[in-house]
Amino acid sequence: MNKEHFTEWFRDTLLPKLPPRSVIIMDNAPYHSHLDPDSRVPNTSSNKSEISAWLEKSIVQYDKKMKKTELLDLVKQKKPQPRYIIDDLASANGHEILRTPPYHCELNPIEMVWSYLKGYVARHNSSCKKKDIIKLFEEAKSHIDAERWAKFETHVEREFEEKLRQLDGIRDEDVNPVVIDMTDDDSQDSQRTIPYMFSEGEEEGNDDENDNDFEDSVSDTINDADEILCNTCGSIEPPKPIQKDKYISWFQCDACDQWVHNRCCTKPALAKNVCLRCFSIFNHRNLSEPLISPLEEMEQ
């Protein structure tokens, strides 16, 4: 899936079938949150001429003798609110987009639907032929009626309420919510911000300590709440060292539904949103040779 295919399907297939004033729930996948070209702004990878051109287009006065960092400061002061193509399409048709928080795919009932569809195909697939797989997929899709969908929604609601009960011991006056921007200057299509809470008595000025605590918080959330370890390295933390001020990135394999560190995967596999094992299986041609082990492939 890419942003072009998703946008075409969203505009031409999904929107015409929705009832008026619908709320569309989706996650923060890159193809769900790509920016409108008009709302893009220069970043640290842009050269001075590109930054100057943007400032002139935005009618921002600047001195040609300014350094690149000074020009970028002007950009930050004048940059518009980001506009997302999918959000604009939905709004133009009277609908609203609601995105789940990062690393909380369990809050979206569609995840259970995908799991059911893929599981049905995997259990009944015996030929591995494309036409047979498509037929099995259509059979599985026909099982998702209003009653089954209602059960999926009920399951998500109960799971969400249970997590709220677990967190009920934290009182509002004991914590100060702080939003940490998870997006880099060089990439504005990545996931949005998530809340991080400082405990009472913890100083907000120590950025290095807070970032480390945030990294631990993400790992603890995935491991303790969801009981999930990386399917490749079998650990909470990736084998490669994490750079300072960086958080641990995870993704869920579209094929096997297992959670994997981004660092435990290669770029070709990440592009297809699958783990190394599934990527190796999908691209294996000579069945007489053993599959490449994920960690061996990373070392190569």
C-alpha atoms as a PDB file:
ATOM      1  CA  MET A   1       0.000   0.000   0.000  1.00  0.00           C
ATOM      2  CA  ASN A   2       1.179   3.531  -0.742  1.00  0.00           C
ATOM      3  CA  LYS A   3      -0.345   6.987  -0.412  1.00  0.00           C
ATOM      4  CA  GLU A   4      -1.399   7.187  -4.087  1.00  0.00           C
ATOM      5  CA  HIS A   5      -3.339   3.901  -4.013  1.00  0.00           C
ATOM      6  CA  PHE A   6      -4.874   4.633  -0.622  1.00  0.00           C
ATOM      7  CA  THR A   7      -5.949   8.150  -1.609  1.00  0.00           C
ATOM      8  CA  GLU A   8      -7.571   6.838  -4.802  1.00  0.00           C
ATOM      9  CA  TRP A   9      -9.428   4.098  -2.905  1.00  0.00           C
ATOM     10  CA  PHE A  10     -10.445   6.507  -0.128  1.00  0.00           C
ATOM     11  CA  ARG A  11     -11.791   9.119  -2.572  1.00  0.00           C
ATOM     12  CA  ASP A  12     -13.414   6.903  -5.211  1.00  0.00           C
ATOM     13  CA  THR A  13     -14.511   3.809  -3.269  1.00  0.00           C
ATOM     14  CA  LEU A  14     -14.964   4.575   0.426  1.00  0.00           C
ATOM     15  CA  LEU A  15     -16.328   8.135   0.576  1.00  0.00           C
ATOM     16  CA  PRO A  16     -19.263   7.569  -1.832  1.00  0.00           C
ATOM     17  CA  LYS A  17     -20.496   4.662   0.330  1.00  0.00           C
ATOM     18  CA  LEU A  18     -20.418   6.420   3.706  1.00  0.00           C
ATOM     19  CA  PRO A  19     -23.579   7.812   5.333  1.00  0.00           C
ATOM     20  CA  PRO A  20     -23.604  11.574   5.976  1.00  0.00           C
ATOM     21  CA  ARG A  21     -21.398  12.994   8.735  1.00  0.00           C
ATOM     22  CA  SER A  22     -19.509   9.771   9.408  1.00  0.00           C
ATOM     23  CA  VAL A  23     -16.510   9.482  11.736  1.00  0.00           C
ATOM     24  CA  ILE A  24     -13.651   7.571  10.083  1.00  0.00           C
ATOM     25  CA  ILE A  25     -11.225   5.892  12.484  1.00  0.00           C
ATOM     26  CA  MET A  26      -7.721   5.120  11.247  1.00  0.00           C
ATOM     27  CA  ASP A  27      -4.184   4.823  12.548  1.00  0.00           C
ATOM     28  CA  ASN A  28      -1.167   7.002  11.782  1.00  0.00           C
ATOM     29  CA  ALA A  29       0.298   4.976   8.921  1.00  0.00           C
ATOM     30  CA  PRO A  30       2.313   7.222   6.554  1.00  0.00           C
ATOM     31  CA  TYR A  31      -0.155   6.728   3.694  1.00  0.00           C
ATOM     32  CA  HIS A  32      -2.974   7.856   6.024  1.00  0.00           C
ATOM     33  CA  SER A  33      -1.224  11.085   7.014  1.00  0.00           C
ATOM     34  CA  HIS A  34       0.590  12.476   3.974  1.00  0.00           C
ATOM     35  CA  LEU A  35       0.744  16.240   3.814  1.00  0.00           C
ATOM     36  CA  ASP A  36      -0.861  18.510   1.277  1.00  0.00           C
ATOM     37  CA  PRO A  37       2.034  19.845  -0.863  1.00  0.00           C
ATOM     38  CA  ASP A  38       0.939  23.430  -0.141  1.00  0.00           C
ATOM     39  CA  SER A  39       1.418  22.931   3.601  1.00  0.00           C
ATOM     40  CA  ARG A  40       4.931  21.524   3.339  1.00  0.00           C
ATOM     41  CA  VAL A  41       7.676  23.746   4.703  1.00  0.00           C
ATOM     42  CA  PRO A  42      11.469  23.668   4.267  1.00  0.00           C
ATOM     43  CA  ASN A  43      13.472  21.660   6.778  1.00  0.00           C
ATOM     44  CA  THR A  44      17.109  21.029   7.639  1.00  0.00           C
ATOM     45  CA  SER A  45      17.628  19.030   4.441  1.00  0.00           C
ATOM     46  CA  SER A  46      16.528  21.979   2.272  1.00  0.00           C
ATOM     47  CA  ASN A  47      19.146  24.288   0.782  1.00  0.00           C
ATOM     48  CA  LYS A  48      19.185  28.065   1.211  1.00  0.00           C
ATOM     49  CA  SER A  49      17.627  28.738  -2.185  1.00  0.00           C
ATOM     50  CA  GLU A  50      14.645  26.490  -1.386  1.00  0.00           C
ATOM     51  CA  ILE A  51      14.193  28.139   2.002  1.00  0.00           C
ATOM     52  CA  SER A  52      14.442  31.615   0.461  1.00  0.00           C
ATOM     53  CA  ALA A  53      11.889  30.697  -2.205  1.00  0.00           C
ATOM     54  CA  TRP A  54       9.432  29.535   0.461  1.00  0.00           C
ATOM     55  CA  LEU A  55       9.915  32.722   2.486  1.00  0.00           C
ATOM     56  CA  GLU A  56       9.288  34.861  -0.588  1.00  0.00           C
ATOM     57  CA  LYS A  57       6.190  32.851  -1.487  1.00  0.00           C
ATOM     58  CA  SER A  58       4.923  33.269   2.087  1.00  0.00           C
ATOM     59  CA  ILE A  59       5.694  37.022   1.987  1.00  0.00           C
ATOM     60  CA  VAL A  60       8.207  36.838   4.833  1.00  0.00           C
ATOM     61  CA  GLN A  61      10.937  39.462   4.901  1.00  0.00           C
ATOM     62  CA  TYR A  62      14.505  38.218   5.352  1.00  0.00           C
ATOM     63  CA  ASP A  63      18.073  39.327   4.784  1.00  0.00           C
ATOM     64  CA  LYS A  64      19.936  37.532   2.011  1.00  0.00           C
ATOM     65  CA  LYS A  65      23.013  37.516   4.247  1.00  0.00           C
ATOM     66  CA  MET A  66      21.234  35.392   6.845  1.00  0.00           C
ATOM     67  CA  LYS A  67      22.590  31.948   7.609  1.00  0.00           C
ATOM     68  CA  LYS A  68      20.574  28.823   6.901  1.00  0.00           C
ATOM     69  CA  THR A  69      19.773  28.315  10.591  1.00  0.00           C
ATOM     70  CA  GLU A  70      18.447  31.872  10.828  1.00  0.00           C
ATOM     71  CA  LEU A  71      16.262  31.342   7.771  1.00  0.00           C
ATOM     72  CA  LEU A  72      14.876  28.145   9.291  1.00  0.00           C
ATOM     73  CA  ASP A  73      14.015  30.087  12.445  1.00  0.00           C
ATOM     74  CA  LEU A  74      11.887  32.401  10.289  1.00  0.00           C
ATOM     75  CA  VAL A  75      10.229  29.359   8.710  1.00  0.00           C
ATOM     76  CA  LYS A  76       9.328  27.977  12.153  1.00  0.00           C
ATOM     77  CA  GLN A  77       7.757  31.294  13.114  1.00  0.00           C
ATOM     78  CA  LYS A  78       5.619  31.526   9.979  1.00  0.00           C
ATOM     79  CA  LYS A  79       4.913  27.913   9.052  1.00  0.00           C
ATOM     80  CA  PRO A  80       1.185  27.118   8.669  1.00  0.00           C
ATOM     81  CA  GLN A  81      -0.706  24.358  10.400  1.00  0.00           C
ATOM     82  CA  PRO A  82      -0.129  21.030   8.608  1.00  0.00           C
ATOM     83  CA  ARG A  83      -2.948  19.973   6.285  1.00  0.00           C
ATOM     84  CA  TYR A  84      -3.400  16.329   5.382  1.00  0.00           C
ATOM     85  CA  ILE A  85      -4.868  15.239   2.062  1.00  0.00           C
ATOM     86  CA  ILE A  86      -7.048  12.503   3.578  1.00  0.00           C
ATOM     87  CA  ASP A  87      -8.430  14.915   6.188  1.00  0.00           C
ATOM     88  CA  ASP A  88      -9.228  17.493   3.503  1.00  0.00           C
ATOM     89  CA  LEU A  89     -11.047  14.890   1.382  1.00  0.00           C
ATOM     90  CA  ALA A  90     -13.103  13.722   4.361  1.00  0.00           C
ATOM     91  CA  SER A  91     -13.916  17.272   5.477  1.00  0.00           C
ATOM     92  CA  ALA A  92     -14.969  18.292   1.965  1.00  0.00           C
ATOM     93  CA  ASN A  93     -17.522  15.459   2.029  1.00  0.00           C
ATOM     94  CA  GLY A  94     -18.831  16.279   5.511  1.00  0.00           C
ATOM     95  CA  HIS A  95     -16.929  13.555   7.402  1.00  0.00           C
ATOM     96  CA  GLU A  96     -14.411  13.613  10.245  1.00  0.00           C
ATOM     97  CA  ILE A  97     -11.124  11.721  10.668  1.00  0.00           C
ATOM     98  CA  LEU A  98     -10.312  10.335  14.114  1.00  0.00           C
ATOM     99  CA  ARG A  99      -6.862   8.771  14.525  1.00  0.00           C
ATOM    100  CA  THR A 100      -5.870   6.281  17.194  1.00  0.00           C
ATOM    101  CA  PRO A 101      -2.811   7.098  19.344  1.00  0.00           C
ATOM    102  CA  PRO A 102       0.528   5.645  18.208  1.00  0.00           C
ATOM    103  CA  TYR A 103       1.192   2.062  19.370  1.00  0.00           C
ATOM    104  CA  HIS A 104      -2.487   1.545  20.274  1.00  0.00           C
ATOM    105  CA  CYS A 105      -3.852  -0.332  17.269  1.00  0.00           C
ATOM    106  CA  GLU A 106      -5.962  -2.408  19.655  1.00  0.00           C
ATOM    107  CA  LEU A 107      -8.300   0.588  19.976  1.00  0.00           C
ATOM    108  CA  ASN A 108      -9.440   0.134  16.369  1.00  0.00           C
ATOM    109  CA  PRO A 109     -11.906  -2.734  15.728  1.00  0.00           C
ATOM    110  CA  ILE A 110     -10.618  -3.044  12.146  1.00  0.00           C
ATOM    111  CA  GLU A 111      -7.478  -4.719  13.538  1.00  0.00           C
ATOM    112  CA  MET A 112      -9.627  -7.635  14.699  1.00  0.00           C
ATOM    113  CA  VAL A 113     -11.263  -7.764  11.283  1.00  0.00           C
ATOM    114  CA  TRP A 114      -7.891  -7.967   9.528  1.00  0.00           C
ATOM    115  CA  SER A 115      -6.761 -10.650  11.957  1.00  0.00           C
ATOM    116  CA  TYR A 116      -9.899 -12.703  11.247  1.00  0.00           C
ATOM    117  CA  LEU A 117      -9.569 -12.308   7.464  1.00  0.00           C
ATOM    118  CA  LYS A 118      -5.890 -13.259   7.368  1.00  0.00           C
ATOM    119  CA  GLY A 119      -6.415 -16.135   9.781  1.00  0.00           C
ATOM    120  CA  TYR A 120      -9.297 -17.539   7.720  1.00  0.00           C
ATOM    121  CA  VAL A 121      -7.246 -17.429   4.521  1.00  0.00           C
ATOM    122  CA  ALA A 122      -4.217 -19.003   6.239  1.00  0.00           C
ATOM    123  CA  ARG A 123      -6.278 -21.873   7.692  1.00  0.00           C
ATOM    124  CA  HIS A 124      -8.075 -22.739   4.457  1.00  0.00           C
ATOM    125  CA  ASN A 125      -5.366 -22.005   1.883  1.00  0.00           C
ATOM    126  CA  SER A 126      -4.026 -25.208   0.342  1.00  0.00           C
ATOM    127  CA  SER A 127      -2.976 -24.236  -3.187  1.00  0.00           C
ATOM    128  CA  CYS A 128      -1.260 -20.830  -2.705  1.00  0.00           C
ATOM    129  CA  LYS A 129      -2.728 -19.785  -6.062  1.00  0.00           C
ATOM    130  CA  LYS A 130      -3.733 -16.163  -6.395  1.00  0.00           C
ATOM    131  CA  LYS A 131      -7.270 -16.869  -7.609  1.00  0.00           C
ATOM    132  CA  ASP A 132      -7.881 -19.314  -4.737  1.00  0.00           C
ATOM    133  CA  ILE A 133      -6.571 -16.830  -2.170  1.00  0.00           C
ATOM    134  CA  ILE A 134      -8.842 -14.102  -3.558  1.00  0.00           C
ATOM    135  CA  LYS A 135     -11.796 -16.504  -3.355  1.00  0.00           C
ATOM    136  CA  LEU A 136     -10.963 -17.369   0.265  1.00  0.00           C
ATOM    137  CA  PHE A 137     -10.635 -13.686   1.106  1.00  0.00           C
ATOM    138  CA  GLU A 138     -14.078 -12.961  -0.348  1.00  0.00           C
ATOM    139  CA  GLU A 139     -15.515 -15.866   1.651  1.00  0.00           C
ATOM    140  CA  ALA A 140     -13.964 -14.529   4.845  1.00  0.00           C
ATOM    141  CA  LYS A 141     -15.200 -11.019   4.090  1.00  0.00           C
ATOM    142  CA  SER A 142     -18.759 -12.284   3.696  1.00  0.00           C
ATOM    143  CA  HIS A 143     -18.628 -13.480   7.315  1.00  0.00           C
ATOM    144  CA  ILE A 144     -18.149  -9.914   8.618  1.00  0.00           C
ATOM    145  CA  ASP A 145     -21.787  -8.971   9.078  1.00  0.00           C
ATOM    146  CA  ALA A 146     -23.304  -6.358  11.393  1.00  0.00           C
ATOM    147  CA  GLU A 147     -23.542  -8.813  14.283  1.00  0.00           C
ATOM    148  CA  ARG A 148     -19.885  -9.862  14.098  1.00  0.00           C
ATOM    149  CA  TRP A 149     -18.758  -6.233  13.729  1.00  0.00           C
ATOM    150  CA  ALA A 150     -20.785  -5.300  16.826  1.00  0.00           C
ATOM    151  CA  LYS A 151     -18.951  -8.031  18.757  1.00  0.00           C
ATOM    152  CA  PHE A 152     -15.597  -6.601  17.645  1.00  0.00           C
ATOM    153  CA  GLU A 153     -16.659  -3.142  18.836  1.00  0.00           C
ATOM    154  CA  THR A 154     -17.841  -4.515  22.170  1.00  0.00           C
ATOM    155  CA  HIS A 155     -14.520  -6.309  22.648  1.00  0.00           C
ATOM    156  CA  VAL A 156     -12.558  -3.094  21.991  1.00  0.00           C
ATOM    157  CA  GLU A 157     -14.776  -1.092  24.358  1.00  0.00           C
ATOM    158  CA  ARG A 158     -14.303  -3.625  27.150  1.00  0.00           C
ATOM    159  CA  GLU A 159     -10.545  -3.740  26.603  1.00  0.00           C
ATOM    160  CA  PHE A 160     -10.361   0.063  26.661  1.00  0.00           C
ATOM    161  CA  GLU A 161     -12.461   0.259  29.830  1.00  0.00           C
ATOM    162  CA  GLU A 162     -10.226  -2.343  31.481  1.00  0.00           C
ATOM    163  CA  LYS A 163      -7.135  -0.266  30.711  1.00  0.00           C
ATOM    164  CA  LEU A 164      -8.842   2.795  32.152  1.00  0.00           C
ATOM    165  CA  ARG A 165      -9.582   0.846  35.326  1.00  0.00           C
ATOM    166  CA  GLN A 166      -5.916  -0.151  35.550  1.00  0.00           C
ATOM    167  CA  LEU A 167      -4.913   3.508  35.263  1.00  0.00           C
ATOM    168  CA  ASP A 168      -7.583   4.708  37.653  1.00  0.00           C
ATOM    169  CA  GLY A 169      -5.057   4.840  40.489  1.00  0.00           C
ATOM    170  CA  ILE A 170      -3.279   7.794  38.815  1.00  0.00           C
ATOM    171  CA  ARG A 171      -4.958  11.018  39.889  1.00  0.00           C
ATOM    172  CA  ASP A 172      -4.992  14.065  37.659  1.00  0.00           C
ATOM    173  CA  GLU A 173      -3.381  16.251  40.315  1.00  0.00           C
ATOM    174  CA  ASP A 174      -0.408  13.878  40.619  1.00  0.00           C
ATOM    175  CA  VAL A 175       0.849  14.360  37.066  1.00  0.00           C
ATOM    176  CA  ASN A 176       1.459  17.154  34.598  1.00  0.00           C
ATOM    177  CA  PRO A 177       0.751  16.155  30.973  1.00  0.00           C
ATOM    178  CA  VAL A 178       3.477  17.134  28.503  1.00  0.00           C
ATOM    179  CA  VAL A 179       3.220  16.579  24.740  1.00  0.00           C
ATOM    180  CA  ILE A 180       6.420  15.387  23.087  1.00  0.00           C
ATOM    181  CA  ASP A 181       6.751  15.907  19.329  1.00  0.00           C
ATOM    182  CA  MET A 182       7.642  12.555  17.751  1.00  0.00           C
ATOM    183  CA  THR A 183       8.156  14.014  14.282  1.00  0.00           C
ATOM    184  CA  ASP A 184      11.597  14.908  12.930  1.00  0.00           C
ATOM    185  CA  ASP A 185      12.269  18.138  11.058  1.00  0.00           C
ATOM    186  CA  ASP A 186      13.164  16.021   8.042  1.00  0.00           C
ATOM    187  CA  SER A 187       9.950  14.041   7.933  1.00  0.00           C
ATOM    188  CA  GLN A 188       6.540  15.599   8.445  1.00  0.00           C
ATOM    189  CA  ASP A 189       4.497  12.593   7.331  1.00  0.00           C
ATOM    190  CA  SER A 190       5.386  10.509  10.364  1.00  0.00           C
ATOM    191  CA  GLN A 191       3.204   9.831  13.339  1.00  0.00           C
ATOM    192  CA  ARG A 192       1.796  12.636  15.420  1.00  0.00           C
ATOM    193  CA  THR A 193       2.495  13.587  19.035  1.00  0.00           C
ATOM    194  CA  ILE A 194       1.591  11.441  22.020  1.00  0.00           C
ATOM    195  CA  PRO A 195       1.286  12.488  25.682  1.00  0.00           C
ATOM    196  CA  TYR A 196       3.998  11.752  28.207  1.00  0.00           C
ATOM    197  CA  MET A 197       3.462  12.430  31.896  1.00  0.00           C
ATOM    198  CA  PHE A 198       6.077  13.633  34.387  1.00  0.00           C
ATOM    199  CA  SER A 199       5.701  12.236  37.873  1.00  0.00           C
ATOM    200  CA  GLU A 200       5.275  14.614  40.766  1.00  0.00           C
ATOM    201  CA  GLY A 201       8.606  16.162  41.745  1.00  0.00           C
ATOM    202  CA  GLU A 202      10.269  15.313  38.433  1.00  0.00           C
ATOM    203  CA  GLU A 203      11.940  18.251  36.734  1.00  0.00           C
ATOM    204  CA  GLU A 204      10.936  19.026  33.167  1.00  0.00           C
ATOM    205  CA  GLY A 205      14.185  20.836  32.356  1.00  0.00           C
ATOM    206  CA  ASN A 206      16.343  17.707  32.138  1.00  0.00           C
ATOM    207  CA  ASP A 207      15.730  16.797  28.498  1.00  0.00           C
ATOM    208  CA  ASP A 208      18.199  13.890  28.373  1.00  0.00           C
ATOM    209  CA  GLU A 209      16.691  12.232  31.436  1.00  0.00           C
ATOM    210  CA  ASN A 210      13.142  12.837  30.235  1.00  0.00           C
ATOM    211  CA  ASP A 211      13.873  11.419  26.789  1.00  0.00           C
ATOM    212  CA  ASN A 212      15.355   8.297  28.358  1.00  0.00           C
ATOM    213  CA  ASP A 213      12.297   7.973  30.590  1.00  0.00           C
ATOM    214  CA  PHE A 214      10.067   8.407  27.550  1.00  0.00           C
ATOM    215  CA  GLU A 215      11.952   5.651  25.707  1.00  0.00           C
ATOM    216  CA  ASP A 216      11.537   3.354  28.716  1.00  0.00           C
ATOM    217  CA  SER A 217       7.858   4.323  28.915  1.00  0.00           C
ATOM    218  CA  VAL A 218       7.229   3.208  25.332  1.00  0.00           C
ATOM    219  CA  SER A 219       9.039  -0.083  25.923  1.00  0.00           C
ATOM    220  CA  ASP A 220       7.230  -0.721  29.211  1.00  0.00           C
ATOM    221  CA  THR A 221       3.863   0.087  27.638  1.00  0.00           C
ATOM    222  CA  ILE A 222       4.394  -2.420  24.843  1.00  0.00           C
ATOM    223  CA  ASN A 223       5.861  -5.113  27.077  1.00  0.00           C
ATOM    224  CA  ASP A 224       3.780  -4.794  30.247  1.00  0.00           C
ATOM    225  CA  ALA A 225       0.382  -3.792  28.863  1.00  0.00           C
ATOM    226  CA  ASP A 226       0.378  -5.862  25.698  1.00  0.00           C
ATOM    227  CA  GLU A 227       2.950  -8.558  26.713  1.00  0.00           C
ATOM    228  CA  ILE A 228       4.726  -8.199  23.381  1.00  0.00           C
ATOM    229  CA  LEU A 229       8.404  -8.679  22.565  1.00  0.00           C
ATOM    230  CA  CYS A 230      10.112  -8.132  19.235  1.00  0.00           C
ATOM    231  CA  ASN A 231       9.451 -11.209  17.084  1.00  0.00           C
ATOM    232  CA  THR A 232      12.927 -10.922  15.510  1.00  0.00           C
ATOM    233  CA  CYS A 233      15.316 -10.264  18.404  1.00  0.00           C
ATOM    234  CA  GLY A 234      13.014 -11.515  21.167  1.00  0.00           C
ATOM    235  CA  SER A 235      13.730  -8.505  23.340  1.00  0.00           C
ATOM    236  CA  ILE A 236      12.109  -5.254  24.421  1.00  0.00           C
ATOM    237  CA  GLU A 237      15.020  -3.183  23.154  1.00  0.00           C
ATOM    238  CA  PRO A 238      16.593  -3.611  19.701  1.00  0.00           C
ATOM    239  CA  PRO A 239      20.099  -5.135  19.492  1.00  0.00           C
ATOM    240  CA  LYS A 240      21.608  -2.004  17.941  1.00  0.00           C
ATOM    241  CA  PRO A 241      22.255   0.901  20.341  1.00  0.00           C
ATOM    242  CA  ILE A 242      19.684   3.695  20.431  1.00  0.00           C
ATOM    243  CA  GLN A 243      21.032   7.138  19.648  1.00  0.00           C
ATOM    244  CA  LYS A 244      20.641   9.841  22.230  1.00  0.00           C
ATOM    245  CA  ASP A 245      17.235  11.571  22.223  1.00  0.00           C
ATOM    246  CA  LYS A 246      15.722   8.817  20.038  1.00  0.00           C
ATOM    247  CA  TYR A 247      12.745   6.611  20.857  1.00  0.00           C
ATOM    248  CA  ILE A 248      12.258   2.942  20.009  1.00  0.00           C
ATOM    249  CA  SER A 249      10.155   2.478  16.873  1.00  0.00           C
ATOM    250  CA  TRP A 250       7.866  -0.557  16.479  1.00  0.00           C
ATOM    251  CA  PHE A 251       5.559  -1.809  13.761  1.00  0.00           C
ATOM    252  CA  GLN A 252       3.133  -4.712  13.422  1.00  0.00           C
ATOM    253  CA  CYS A 253       3.739  -7.139  10.552  1.00  0.00           C
ATOM    254  CA  ASP A 254       0.799  -7.137   8.126  1.00  0.00           C
ATOM    255  CA  ALA A 255       1.306 -10.846   7.436  1.00  0.00           C
ATOM    256  CA  CYS A 256       1.806 -12.479  10.845  1.00  0.00           C
ATOM    257  CA  ASP A 257       0.557  -9.675  13.167  1.00  0.00           C
ATOM    258  CA  GLN A 258       3.762  -9.905  15.228  1.00  0.00           C
ATOM    259  CA  TRP A 259       5.410  -6.770  16.662  1.00  0.00           C
ATOM    260  CA  VAL A 260       8.945  -5.996  15.464  1.00  0.00           C
ATOM    261  CA  HIS A 261      11.493  -3.240  16.085  1.00  0.00           C
ATOM    262  CA  ASN A 262      12.069  -1.046  13.043  1.00  0.00           C
ATOM    263  CA  ARG A 263      15.778  -1.570  13.669  1.00  0.00           C
ATOM    264  CA  CYS A 264      15.358  -5.351  13.419  1.00  0.00           C
ATOM    265  CA  CYS A 265      14.119  -5.039   9.844  1.00  0.00           C
ATOM    266  CA  THR A 266      15.464  -3.995   6.446  1.00  0.00           C
ATOM    267  CA  LYS A 267      14.194  -1.133   4.316  1.00  0.00           C
ATOM    268  CA  PRO A 268      12.612  -3.432   1.638  1.00  0.00           C
ATOM    269  CA  ALA A 269      10.687  -5.287   4.342  1.00  0.00           C
ATOM    270  CA  LEU A 270       9.670  -2.059   6.092  1.00  0.00           C
ATOM    271  CA  ALA A 271       8.385  -0.692   2.791  1.00  0.00           C
ATOM    272  CA  LYS A 272       5.945  -3.631   2.639  1.00  0.00           C
ATOM    273  CA  ASN A 273       5.236  -3.407   6.398  1.00  0.00           C
ATOM    274  CA  VAL A 274       6.225  -7.028   7.009  1.00  0.00           C
ATOM    275  CA  CYS A 275       8.827  -8.621   9.263  1.00  0.00           C
ATOM    276  CA  LEU A 276      12.015 -10.132   7.838  1.00  0.00           C
ATOM    277  CA  ARG A 277      10.756 -13.714   8.147  1.00  0.00           C
ATOM    278  CA  CYS A 278       7.547 -13.021   6.219  1.00  0.00           C
ATOM    279  CA  PHE A 279       9.463 -10.925   3.695  1.00  0.00           C
ATOM    280  CA  SER A 280      11.883 -13.827   3.186  1.00  0.00           C
ATOM    281  CA  ILE A 281       8.977 -16.262   2.729  1.00  0.00           C
ATOM    282  CA  PHE A 282       7.160 -14.011   0.241  1.00  0.00           C
ATOM    283  CA  ASN A 283      10.317 -13.498  -1.829  1.00  0.00           C
ATOM    284  CA  HIS A 284      11.729 -17.026  -1.612  1.00  0.00           C
ATOM    285  CA  ARG A 285      11.935 -18.641  -4.999  1.00  0.00           C
ATOM    286  CA  ASN A 286      14.116 -21.766  -4.629  1.00  0.00           C
ATOM    287  CA  LEU A 287      12.396 -23.988  -2.067  1.00  0.00           C
ATOM    288  CA  SER A 288      15.404 -26.326  -1.976  1.00  0.00           C
ATOM    289  CA  GLU A 289      17.429 -23.642  -0.184  1.00  0.00           C
ATOM    290  CA  PRO A 290      16.827 -22.691   3.453  1.00  0.00           C
ATOM    291  CA  LEU A 291      15.295 -19.335   4.272  1.00  0.00           C
ATOM    292  CA  ILE A 292      17.695 -16.620   5.379  1.00  0.00           C
ATOM    293  CA  SER A 293      17.469 -16.050   9.081  1.00  0.00           C
ATOM    294  CA  PRO A 294      16.372 -12.475   9.911  1.00  0.00           C
ATOM    295  CA  LEU A 295      19.439 -11.586  11.964  1.00  0.00           C
ATOM    296  CA  GLU A 296      21.782 -13.078   9.344  1.00  0.00           C
ATOM    297  CA  GLU A 297      20.100 -10.972   6.685  1.00  0.00           C
ATOM    298  CA  MET A 298      20.558  -7.849   8.825  1.00  0.00           C
ATOM    299  CA  GLU A 299      24.274  -8.569   9.175  1.00  0.00           C
ATOM    300  CA  GLN A 300      24.619  -8.991   5.407  1.00  0.00           C
END
